[in-house]
Amino acid sequence: MFHLGTTELVIILVIIILLFGVGRIGKIAGELGKGVRDFRDGMTGKSEDATKQEAEVVEPEGKKE
């Protein structure tokens, strides 16, 4: 259907950079990544609180060096 070569992709990338600017592209990509992550978490049933709890590492009180 569409056969895009390297030259066409570079031209499209340059146009996008000219329209949005480098800083704004980074912000858009970050928000897109966060949206995809939230979507995946929603599909698996994870909530934001559960993800934060999994990230915390708690050492047992009995182990002291």
C-alpha atoms as a PDB file:
ATOM      1  CA  MET A   1       0.000   0.000   0.000  1.00  0.00           C
ATOM      2  CA  PHE A   2       2.371   2.723   1.202  1.00  0.00           C
ATOM      3  CA  HIS A   3       6.039   2.159   0.617  1.00  0.00           C
ATOM      4  CA  LEU A   4       7.987   4.808   2.495  1.00  0.00           C
ATOM      5  CA  GLY A   5      11.712   4.855   2.041  1.00  0.00           C
ATOM      6  CA  THR A   6      14.343   6.447   4.221  1.00  0.00           C
ATOM      7  CA  THR A   7      14.242   9.734   2.316  1.00  0.00           C
ATOM      8  CA  GLU A   8      10.492  10.111   2.739  1.00  0.00           C
ATOM      9  CA  LEU A   9      10.688   9.342   6.467  1.00  0.00           C
ATOM     10  CA  VAL A  10      13.453  11.942   6.934  1.00  0.00           C
ATOM     11  CA  ILE A  11      11.396  14.566   5.101  1.00  0.00           C
ATOM     12  CA  ILE A  12       8.347  13.802   7.265  1.00  0.00           C
ATOM     13  CA  LEU A  13      10.483  14.000  10.423  1.00  0.00           C
ATOM     14  CA  VAL A  14      11.915  17.390   9.386  1.00  0.00           C
ATOM     15  CA  ILE A  15       8.415  18.757   8.707  1.00  0.00           C
ATOM     16  CA  ILE A  16       7.200  17.546  12.114  1.00  0.00           C
ATOM     17  CA  ILE A  17      10.189  19.172  13.842  1.00  0.00           C
ATOM     18  CA  LEU A  18       9.536  22.438  12.006  1.00  0.00           C
ATOM     19  CA  LEU A  19       5.846  22.410  12.941  1.00  0.00           C
ATOM     20  CA  PHE A  20       6.108  21.435  16.599  1.00  0.00           C
ATOM     21  CA  GLY A  21       9.681  22.148  17.684  1.00  0.00           C
ATOM     22  CA  VAL A  22      12.041  19.808  19.486  1.00  0.00           C
ATOM     23  CA  GLY A  23      10.855  20.572  23.035  1.00  0.00           C
ATOM     24  CA  ARG A  24       7.220  20.099  22.236  1.00  0.00           C
ATOM     25  CA  ILE A  25       7.858  16.787  20.471  1.00  0.00           C
ATOM     26  CA  GLY A  26       9.500  15.458  23.641  1.00  0.00           C
ATOM     27  CA  LYS A  27       6.531  16.561  25.707  1.00  0.00           C
ATOM     28  CA  ILE A  28       4.077  14.953  23.283  1.00  0.00           C
ATOM     29  CA  ALA A  29       6.079  11.702  23.252  1.00  0.00           C
ATOM     30  CA  GLY A  30       6.175  11.624  27.057  1.00  0.00           C
ATOM     31  CA  GLU A  31       2.434  12.151  27.321  1.00  0.00           C
ATOM     32  CA  LEU A  32       1.816   9.491  24.685  1.00  0.00           C
ATOM     33  CA  GLY A  33       3.996   7.026  26.615  1.00  0.00           C
ATOM     34  CA  LYS A  34       2.157   7.806  29.846  1.00  0.00           C
ATOM     35  CA  GLY A  35      -1.169   7.260  28.092  1.00  0.00           C
ATOM     36  CA  VAL A  36      -0.071   3.891  26.730  1.00  0.00           C
ATOM     37  CA  ARG A  37       1.210   2.864  30.188  1.00  0.00           C
ATOM     38  CA  ASP A  38      -2.063   3.913  31.825  1.00  0.00           C
ATOM     39  CA  PHE A  39      -4.016   2.009  29.176  1.00  0.00           C
ATOM     40  CA  ARG A  40      -1.988  -1.161  29.770  1.00  0.00           C
ATOM     41  CA  ASP A  41      -2.410  -0.823  33.529  1.00  0.00           C
ATOM     42  CA  GLY A  42      -6.146  -0.372  33.030  1.00  0.00           C
ATOM     43  CA  MET A  43      -6.353  -3.474  30.872  1.00  0.00           C
ATOM     44  CA  THR A  44      -4.508  -5.590  33.439  1.00  0.00           C
ATOM     45  CA  GLY A  45      -6.479  -4.177  36.349  1.00  0.00           C
ATOM     46  CA  LYS A  46      -3.551  -2.502  38.068  1.00  0.00           C
ATOM     47  CA  SER A  47      -4.189   0.774  39.786  1.00  0.00           C
ATOM     48  CA  GLU A  48      -1.728   3.588  40.388  1.00  0.00           C
ATOM     49  CA  ASP A  49      -1.642   2.821  44.124  1.00  0.00           C
ATOM     50  CA  ALA A  50      -0.804  -0.831  43.518  1.00  0.00           C
ATOM     51  CA  THR A  51       2.037   0.154  41.187  1.00  0.00           C
ATOM     52  CA  LYS A  52       3.490   2.511  43.797  1.00  0.00           C
ATOM     53  CA  GLN A  53       3.280  -0.180  46.474  1.00  0.00           C
ATOM     54  CA  GLU A  54       5.134  -2.649  44.258  1.00  0.00           C
ATOM     55  CA  ALA A  55       7.877  -0.087  43.680  1.00  0.00           C
ATOM     56  CA  GLU A  56       8.547   0.414  47.392  1.00  0.00           C
ATOM     57  CA  VAL A  57      11.116  -1.909  48.864  1.00  0.00           C
ATOM     58  CA  VAL A  58      10.692  -2.614  52.565  1.00  0.00           C
ATOM     59  CA  GLU A  59      13.446  -4.367  54.488  1.00  0.00           C
ATOM     60  CA  PRO A  60      12.409  -6.756  57.266  1.00  0.00           C
ATOM     61  CA  GLU A  61      13.087  -5.455  60.778  1.00  0.00           C
ATOM     62  CA  GLY A  62      14.865  -8.647  61.824  1.00  0.00           C
ATOM     63  CA  LYS A  63      17.732  -8.169  59.377  1.00  0.00           C
ATOM     64  CA  LYS A  64      20.234  -5.646  60.669  1.00  0.00           C
ATOM     65  CA  GLU A  65      23.898  -5.599  59.886  1.00  0.00           C
END
